[in-house]
Amino acid sequence: MTEAEWSACEEPEALAYSDIKASDRKWRLVLCACSRRIRKQMTEDRSRIALDLSERFADGLISDEELGAVGAAAQIAWVEVSRKYGDSLQRAAAAAAAYSSQRFICDNDRSNAMGAVAEAFPKAARRTVEQCAQAQIIRDIFGNPFRPVIFSPDWRTPTATTLASQMYESRDFGAMPILADALQDAGCDSDDVLNHCCGSGPHVRGCWVVDLVLGKE
């Protein structure tokens, strides 16, 4: 995949199978962000809990064993929801939670989880819109792998880190333009960083700029 193809691609599965060098954490947060888009359709507490704890696992806040337990519960919930609702939006939401909470995120989990979210929408046109949104989420989390940014520690001021931490914890990224101002005040001259902060988004937990400010990988 070329840089131009990466920037224009609207097929999340193509991006998921591209040769991106990234951590399990990054891919886990992609799946969680995609799954959150249909969280309201999760009829089981087991699904919602698994999704929430998968994010916590990404940041090392719960153990392998804890994630394994909630992931297994989410799998059972998926089976039960499938029997109850059949091929439905609720089943797709349960599937997304189950895939997103696996202990190890492999290629199949990536495509299956994103596919489950897209399939939650009955009309083909709506699925296409959802796939475009997922592609944007992937780019928000990974940035441009063809032009990695060298982030200066000097840009990581108390103001910038406080803003980034607040957005990361709340999942409210409305302060991204303010973060751009803080980074610019600290001497940041990277157009890629500043333009991403001021862009239309979407921004999700794992956003590559916020991660750089917080020193996350």
C-alpha atoms as a PDB file:
ATOM      1  CA  MET A   1       0.000   0.000   0.000  1.00  0.00           C
ATOM      2  CA  THR A   2       1.316   3.443  -0.935  1.00  0.00           C
ATOM      3  CA  GLU A   3       0.990   6.635   1.096  1.00  0.00           C
ATOM      4  CA  ALA A   4      -1.695   7.942  -1.271  1.00  0.00           C
ATOM      5  CA  GLU A   5      -3.658   4.691  -0.962  1.00  0.00           C
ATOM      6  CA  TRP A   6      -3.368   4.787   2.832  1.00  0.00           C
ATOM      7  CA  SER A   7      -4.734   8.341   2.957  1.00  0.00           C
ATOM      8  CA  ALA A   8      -7.634   7.694   0.584  1.00  0.00           C
ATOM      9  CA  CYS A   9      -8.620   4.134   1.498  1.00  0.00           C
ATOM     10  CA  GLU A  10     -12.205   3.727   2.720  1.00  0.00           C
ATOM     11  CA  GLU A  11     -12.010  -0.011   3.314  1.00  0.00           C
ATOM     12  CA  PRO A  12     -10.990  -0.721   6.928  1.00  0.00           C
ATOM     13  CA  GLU A  13     -10.142  -4.349   6.200  1.00  0.00           C
ATOM     14  CA  ALA A  14      -7.558  -3.257   3.616  1.00  0.00           C
ATOM     15  CA  LEU A  15      -5.972  -0.996   6.226  1.00  0.00           C
ATOM     16  CA  ALA A  16      -6.155  -3.748   8.843  1.00  0.00           C
ATOM     17  CA  TYR A  17      -4.232  -6.134   6.605  1.00  0.00           C
ATOM     18  CA  SER A  18      -1.671  -3.549   5.512  1.00  0.00           C
ATOM     19  CA  ASP A  19       1.894  -3.905   6.753  1.00  0.00           C
ATOM     20  CA  ILE A  20       1.593  -1.561   9.748  1.00  0.00           C
ATOM     21  CA  LYS A  21       4.150  -1.981  12.486  1.00  0.00           C
ATOM     22  CA  ALA A  22       2.067  -1.360  15.586  1.00  0.00           C
ATOM     23  CA  SER A  23       1.405  -2.639  19.070  1.00  0.00           C
ATOM     24  CA  ASP A  24      -1.436  -4.873  20.170  1.00  0.00           C
ATOM     25  CA  ARG A  25      -2.601  -1.872  22.223  1.00  0.00           C
ATOM     26  CA  LYS A  26      -3.128   0.256  19.131  1.00  0.00           C
ATOM     27  CA  TRP A  27      -5.151  -2.381  17.314  1.00  0.00           C
ATOM     28  CA  ARG A  28      -7.145  -3.141  20.458  1.00  0.00           C
ATOM     29  CA  LEU A  29      -8.097   0.525  20.740  1.00  0.00           C
ATOM     30  CA  VAL A  30      -9.124   0.563  17.071  1.00  0.00           C
ATOM     31  CA  LEU A  31     -11.526  -2.311  17.676  1.00  0.00           C
ATOM     32  CA  CYS A  32     -12.836  -0.762  20.886  1.00  0.00           C
ATOM     33  CA  ALA A  33     -13.450   2.590  19.188  1.00  0.00           C
ATOM     34  CA  CYS A  34     -15.288   0.912  16.313  1.00  0.00           C
ATOM     35  CA  SER A  35     -17.326  -1.212  18.721  1.00  0.00           C
ATOM     36  CA  ARG A  36     -18.256   1.804  20.837  1.00  0.00           C
ATOM     37  CA  ARG A  37     -20.112   3.178  17.847  1.00  0.00           C
ATOM     38  CA  ILE A  38     -22.791   0.527  18.459  1.00  0.00           C
ATOM     39  CA  ARG A  39     -22.390   0.104  22.220  1.00  0.00           C
ATOM     40  CA  LYS A  40     -26.035   1.117  22.771  1.00  0.00           C
ATOM     41  CA  GLN A  41     -27.056  -1.986  20.855  1.00  0.00           C
ATOM     42  CA  MET A  42     -25.269  -4.308  23.282  1.00  0.00           C
ATOM     43  CA  THR A  43     -28.083  -5.960  25.197  1.00  0.00           C
ATOM     44  CA  GLU A  44     -25.791  -7.829  27.584  1.00  0.00           C
ATOM     45  CA  ASP A  45     -23.839  -6.331  30.492  1.00  0.00           C
ATOM     46  CA  ARG A  46     -21.197  -8.957  29.709  1.00  0.00           C
ATOM     47  CA  SER A  47     -20.610  -7.360  26.311  1.00  0.00           C
ATOM     48  CA  ARG A  48     -20.419  -3.816  27.663  1.00  0.00           C
ATOM     49  CA  ILE A  49     -18.121  -4.807  30.522  1.00  0.00           C
ATOM     50  CA  ALA A  50     -15.827  -6.694  28.159  1.00  0.00           C
ATOM     51  CA  LEU A  51     -15.532  -3.657  25.905  1.00  0.00           C
ATOM     52  CA  ASP A  52     -14.748  -1.334  28.813  1.00  0.00           C
ATOM     53  CA  LEU A  53     -12.203  -3.685  30.346  1.00  0.00           C
ATOM     54  CA  SER A  54     -10.519  -4.326  27.006  1.00  0.00           C
ATOM     55  CA  GLU A  55      -9.608  -0.635  26.940  1.00  0.00           C
ATOM     56  CA  ARG A  56      -8.277  -0.892  30.477  1.00  0.00           C
ATOM     57  CA  PHE A  57      -6.227  -3.917  29.464  1.00  0.00           C
ATOM     58  CA  ALA A  58      -4.744  -1.897  26.602  1.00  0.00           C
ATOM     59  CA  ASP A  59      -3.297   0.479  29.191  1.00  0.00           C
ATOM     60  CA  GLY A  60      -2.070  -2.299  31.466  1.00  0.00           C
ATOM     61  CA  LEU A  61      -4.699  -1.650  34.133  1.00  0.00           C
ATOM     62  CA  ILE A  62      -6.014  -5.212  34.376  1.00  0.00           C
ATOM     63  CA  SER A  63      -4.314  -8.591  34.081  1.00  0.00           C
ATOM     64  CA  ASP A  64      -4.362 -11.198  31.310  1.00  0.00           C
ATOM     65  CA  GLU A  65      -6.477 -13.407  33.547  1.00  0.00           C
ATOM     66  CA  GLU A  66      -9.074 -10.693  34.143  1.00  0.00           C
ATOM     67  CA  LEU A  67      -9.376  -9.937  30.448  1.00  0.00           C
ATOM     68  CA  GLY A  68      -9.539 -13.641  29.670  1.00  0.00           C
ATOM     69  CA  ALA A  69     -12.481 -14.036  32.046  1.00  0.00           C
ATOM     70  CA  VAL A  70     -14.509 -11.109  30.667  1.00  0.00           C
ATOM     71  CA  GLY A  71     -13.601 -12.060  27.103  1.00  0.00           C
ATOM     72  CA  ALA A  72     -14.884 -15.585  27.671  1.00  0.00           C
ATOM     73  CA  ALA A  73     -18.085 -14.170  29.167  1.00  0.00           C
ATOM     74  CA  ALA A  74     -18.503 -11.921  26.125  1.00  0.00           C
ATOM     75  CA  GLN A  75     -18.141 -14.935  23.842  1.00  0.00           C
ATOM     76  CA  ILE A  76     -20.916 -16.744  25.726  1.00  0.00           C
ATOM     77  CA  ALA A  77     -23.080 -13.626  25.580  1.00  0.00           C
ATOM     78  CA  TRP A  78     -22.565 -13.500  21.818  1.00  0.00           C
ATOM     79  CA  VAL A  79     -23.758 -17.093  21.438  1.00  0.00           C
ATOM     80  CA  GLU A  80     -26.802 -16.453  23.622  1.00  0.00           C
ATOM     81  CA  VAL A  81     -27.700 -13.221  21.838  1.00  0.00           C
ATOM     82  CA  SER A  82     -27.332 -14.988  18.481  1.00  0.00           C
ATOM     83  CA  ARG A  83     -29.816 -17.639  19.553  1.00  0.00           C
ATOM     84  CA  LYS A  84     -32.257 -15.063  20.866  1.00  0.00           C
ATOM     85  CA  TYR A  85     -32.082 -12.406  18.164  1.00  0.00           C
ATOM     86  CA  GLY A  86     -30.726 -14.251  15.129  1.00  0.00           C
ATOM     87  CA  ASP A  87     -28.984 -12.209  12.460  1.00  0.00           C
ATOM     88  CA  SER A  88     -29.644  -8.836  14.043  1.00  0.00           C
ATOM     89  CA  LEU A  89     -28.076  -5.573  15.087  1.00  0.00           C
ATOM     90  CA  GLN A  90     -27.881  -6.900  18.658  1.00  0.00           C
ATOM     91  CA  ARG A  91     -25.986  -9.977  17.486  1.00  0.00           C
ATOM     92  CA  ALA A  92     -23.507  -7.809  15.566  1.00  0.00           C
ATOM     93  CA  ALA A  93     -22.920  -5.642  18.634  1.00  0.00           C
ATOM     94  CA  ALA A  94     -22.301  -8.701  20.823  1.00  0.00           C
ATOM     95  CA  ALA A  95     -19.894 -10.071  18.225  1.00  0.00           C
ATOM     96  CA  ALA A  96     -17.960  -6.807  18.114  1.00  0.00           C
ATOM     97  CA  ALA A  97     -17.550  -6.823  21.894  1.00  0.00           C
ATOM     98  CA  ALA A  98     -16.426 -10.453  21.872  1.00  0.00           C
ATOM     99  CA  TYR A  99     -13.781  -9.906  19.182  1.00  0.00           C
ATOM    100  CA  SER A 100     -12.566  -6.678  20.784  1.00  0.00           C
ATOM    101  CA  SER A 101     -11.965  -8.335  24.142  1.00  0.00           C
ATOM    102  CA  GLN A 102      -9.795 -11.229  22.997  1.00  0.00           C
ATOM    103  CA  ARG A 103      -6.488 -11.531  24.844  1.00  0.00           C
ATOM    104  CA  PHE A 104      -4.492 -11.376  21.625  1.00  0.00           C
ATOM    105  CA  ILE A 105      -5.649  -9.316  18.652  1.00  0.00           C
ATOM    106  CA  CYS A 106      -4.799 -11.179  15.458  1.00  0.00           C
ATOM    107  CA  ASP A 107      -5.562 -10.234  11.850  1.00  0.00           C
ATOM    108  CA  ASN A 108      -8.830 -12.169  11.818  1.00  0.00           C
ATOM    109  CA  ASP A 109     -10.034 -10.490  15.011  1.00  0.00           C
ATOM    110  CA  ARG A 110      -9.401  -7.078  13.461  1.00  0.00           C
ATOM    111  CA  SER A 111     -11.384  -7.704  10.308  1.00  0.00           C
ATOM    112  CA  ASN A 112     -14.108  -9.716  12.039  1.00  0.00           C
ATOM    113  CA  ALA A 113     -14.731  -7.080  14.713  1.00  0.00           C
ATOM    114  CA  MET A 114     -14.894  -4.206  12.238  1.00  0.00           C
ATOM    115  CA  GLY A 115     -17.030  -6.299   9.920  1.00  0.00           C
ATOM    116  CA  ALA A 116     -19.448  -7.078  12.754  1.00  0.00           C
ATOM    117  CA  VAL A 117     -19.893  -3.363  13.466  1.00  0.00           C
ATOM    118  CA  ALA A 118     -20.498  -2.562   9.791  1.00  0.00           C
ATOM    119  CA  GLU A 119     -22.988  -5.430   9.487  1.00  0.00           C
ATOM    120  CA  ALA A 120     -25.030  -3.933  12.306  1.00  0.00           C
ATOM    121  CA  PHE A 121     -26.481  -1.537   9.755  1.00  0.00           C
ATOM    122  CA  PRO A 122     -29.071  -3.165   7.504  1.00  0.00           C
ATOM    123  CA  LYS A 123     -28.728  -0.933   4.470  1.00  0.00           C
ATOM    124  CA  ALA A 124     -25.686  -1.269   2.217  1.00  0.00           C
ATOM    125  CA  ALA A 125     -25.297   2.511   1.985  1.00  0.00           C
ATOM    126  CA  ARG A 126     -25.158   2.775   5.775  1.00  0.00           C
ATOM    127  CA  ARG A 127     -22.580   0.007   5.958  1.00  0.00           C
ATOM    128  CA  THR A 128     -20.436   1.944   3.498  1.00  0.00           C
ATOM    129  CA  VAL A 129     -20.658   5.047   5.684  1.00  0.00           C
ATOM    130  CA  GLU A 130     -19.667   2.962   8.710  1.00  0.00           C
ATOM    131  CA  GLN A 131     -16.691   1.465   6.890  1.00  0.00           C
ATOM    132  CA  CYS A 132     -15.503   4.974   5.998  1.00  0.00           C
ATOM    133  CA  ALA A 133     -15.797   5.955   9.660  1.00  0.00           C
ATOM    134  CA  GLN A 134     -13.749   2.927  10.680  1.00  0.00           C
ATOM    135  CA  ALA A 135     -11.033   3.841   8.179  1.00  0.00           C
ATOM    136  CA  GLN A 136     -10.908   7.321   9.700  1.00  0.00           C
ATOM    137  CA  ILE A 137     -10.565   5.808  13.174  1.00  0.00           C
ATOM    138  CA  ILE A 138      -7.620   3.704  11.991  1.00  0.00           C
ATOM    139  CA  ARG A 139      -5.908   6.781  10.556  1.00  0.00           C
ATOM    140  CA  ASP A 140      -6.607   8.737  13.755  1.00  0.00           C
ATOM    141  CA  ILE A 141      -4.887   6.071  15.823  1.00  0.00           C
ATOM    142  CA  PHE A 142      -1.976   5.320  13.499  1.00  0.00           C
ATOM    143  CA  GLY A 143      -1.439   8.651  11.776  1.00  0.00           C
ATOM    144  CA  ASN A 144       0.567   8.426   8.590  1.00  0.00           C
ATOM    145  CA  PRO A 145       2.948   5.432   8.862  1.00  0.00           C
ATOM    146  CA  PHE A 146       4.780   6.677   5.768  1.00  0.00           C
ATOM    147  CA  ARG A 147       5.760   9.913   7.541  1.00  0.00           C
ATOM    148  CA  PRO A 148       6.429   9.209  11.212  1.00  0.00           C
ATOM    149  CA  VAL A 149       6.709  12.325  13.368  1.00  0.00           C
ATOM    150  CA  ILE A 150       9.716  12.899  15.600  1.00  0.00           C
ATOM    151  CA  PHE A 151       8.100  14.282  18.738  1.00  0.00           C
ATOM    152  CA  SER A 152      10.321  16.543  20.819  1.00  0.00           C
ATOM    153  CA  PRO A 153      10.145  16.035  24.606  1.00  0.00           C
ATOM    154  CA  ASP A 154      10.139  19.836  24.903  1.00  0.00           C
ATOM    155  CA  TRP A 155       6.617  19.884  23.455  1.00  0.00           C
ATOM    156  CA  ARG A 156       5.368  17.721  26.319  1.00  0.00           C
ATOM    157  CA  THR A 157       4.590  20.628  28.665  1.00  0.00           C
ATOM    158  CA  PRO A 158       2.344  20.373  31.744  1.00  0.00           C
ATOM    159  CA  THR A 159      -0.423  22.191  29.862  1.00  0.00           C
ATOM    160  CA  ALA A 160      -0.211  19.846  26.872  1.00  0.00           C
ATOM    161  CA  THR A 161      -0.074  16.686  28.961  1.00  0.00           C
ATOM    162  CA  THR A 162      -2.976  17.803  31.153  1.00  0.00           C
ATOM    163  CA  LEU A 163      -5.151  18.513  28.118  1.00  0.00           C
ATOM    164  CA  ALA A 164      -4.206  15.220  26.473  1.00  0.00           C
ATOM    165  CA  SER A 165      -4.816  13.240  29.667  1.00  0.00           C
ATOM    166  CA  GLN A 166      -8.235  14.818  30.209  1.00  0.00           C
ATOM    167  CA  MET A 167      -9.313  14.020  26.663  1.00  0.00           C
ATOM    168  CA  TYR A 168      -7.963  10.481  26.831  1.00  0.00           C
ATOM    169  CA  GLU A 169      -9.785   9.683  30.070  1.00  0.00           C
ATOM    170  CA  SER A 170     -13.083  11.363  29.155  1.00  0.00           C
ATOM    171  CA  ARG A 171     -13.128  10.320  25.472  1.00  0.00           C
ATOM    172  CA  ASP A 172     -14.153  13.927  24.774  1.00  0.00           C
ATOM    173  CA  PHE A 173     -11.699  15.335  22.236  1.00  0.00           C
ATOM    174  CA  GLY A 174     -13.278  18.734  21.816  1.00  0.00           C
ATOM    175  CA  ALA A 175     -10.138  20.389  23.173  1.00  0.00           C
ATOM    176  CA  MET A 176      -7.906  19.173  20.324  1.00  0.00           C
ATOM    177  CA  PRO A 177      -7.567  22.705  18.836  1.00  0.00           C
ATOM    178  CA  ILE A 178      -6.552  23.963  22.287  1.00  0.00           C
ATOM    179  CA  LEU A 179      -3.964  21.194  22.429  1.00  0.00           C
ATOM    180  CA  ALA A 180      -2.637  22.461  19.098  1.00  0.00           C
ATOM    181  CA  ASP A 181      -2.190  25.924  20.646  1.00  0.00           C
ATOM    182  CA  ALA A 182      -0.412  24.451  23.672  1.00  0.00           C
ATOM    183  CA  LEU A 183       1.936  22.434  21.479  1.00  0.00           C
ATOM    184  CA  GLN A 184       2.647  25.420  19.264  1.00  0.00           C
ATOM    185  CA  ASP A 185       3.399  27.532  22.347  1.00  0.00           C
ATOM    186  CA  ALA A 186       5.875  24.820  23.370  1.00  0.00           C
ATOM    187  CA  GLY A 187       7.672  25.137  20.026  1.00  0.00           C
ATOM    188  CA  CYS A 188       5.961  22.402  18.003  1.00  0.00           C
ATOM    189  CA  ASP A 189       6.445  23.155  14.318  1.00  0.00           C
ATOM    190  CA  SER A 190       5.136  19.884  12.884  1.00  0.00           C
ATOM    191  CA  ASP A 191       2.390  20.568  10.375  1.00  0.00           C
ATOM    192  CA  ASP A 192       1.272  16.950  10.647  1.00  0.00           C
ATOM    193  CA  VAL A 193       0.720  17.271  14.403  1.00  0.00           C
ATOM    194  CA  LEU A 194      -0.917  20.698  14.341  1.00  0.00           C
ATOM    195  CA  ASN A 195      -3.139  19.959  11.358  1.00  0.00           C
ATOM    196  CA  HIS A 196      -4.334  16.723  12.940  1.00  0.00           C
ATOM    197  CA  CYS A 197      -5.286  18.562  16.131  1.00  0.00           C
ATOM    198  CA  CYS A 198      -7.243  21.148  14.172  1.00  0.00           C
ATOM    199  CA  GLY A 199      -8.799  18.695  11.726  1.00  0.00           C
ATOM    200  CA  SER A 200     -12.382  17.494  11.766  1.00  0.00           C
ATOM    201  CA  GLY A 201     -11.510  14.124  13.271  1.00  0.00           C
ATOM    202  CA  PRO A 202     -12.900  11.861  14.445  1.00  0.00           C
ATOM    203  CA  HIS A 203     -10.574  11.541  17.429  1.00  0.00           C
ATOM    204  CA  VAL A 204     -10.741   8.514  19.702  1.00  0.00           C
ATOM    205  CA  ARG A 205      -8.818   7.005  22.579  1.00  0.00           C
ATOM    206  CA  GLY A 206      -5.469   6.080  21.044  1.00  0.00           C
ATOM    207  CA  CYS A 207      -5.309   9.161  18.763  1.00  0.00           C
ATOM    208  CA  TRP A 208      -1.701   9.256  17.572  1.00  0.00           C
ATOM    209  CA  VAL A 209      -1.085  12.879  18.625  1.00  0.00           C
ATOM    210  CA  VAL A 210      -2.579  12.418  22.087  1.00  0.00           C
ATOM    211  CA  ASP A 211      -0.536   9.239  22.475  1.00  0.00           C
ATOM    212  CA  LEU A 212       2.653  11.092  21.552  1.00  0.00           C
ATOM    213  CA  VAL A 213       1.926  13.780  24.128  1.00  0.00           C
ATOM    214  CA  LEU A 214       1.264  11.148  26.796  1.00  0.00           C
ATOM    215  CA  GLY A 215       4.214   8.983  25.795  1.00  0.00           C
ATOM    216  CA  LYS A 216       2.024   5.984  24.933  1.00  0.00           C
ATOM    217  CA  GLU A 217       2.878   3.463  22.222  1.00  0.00           C
END
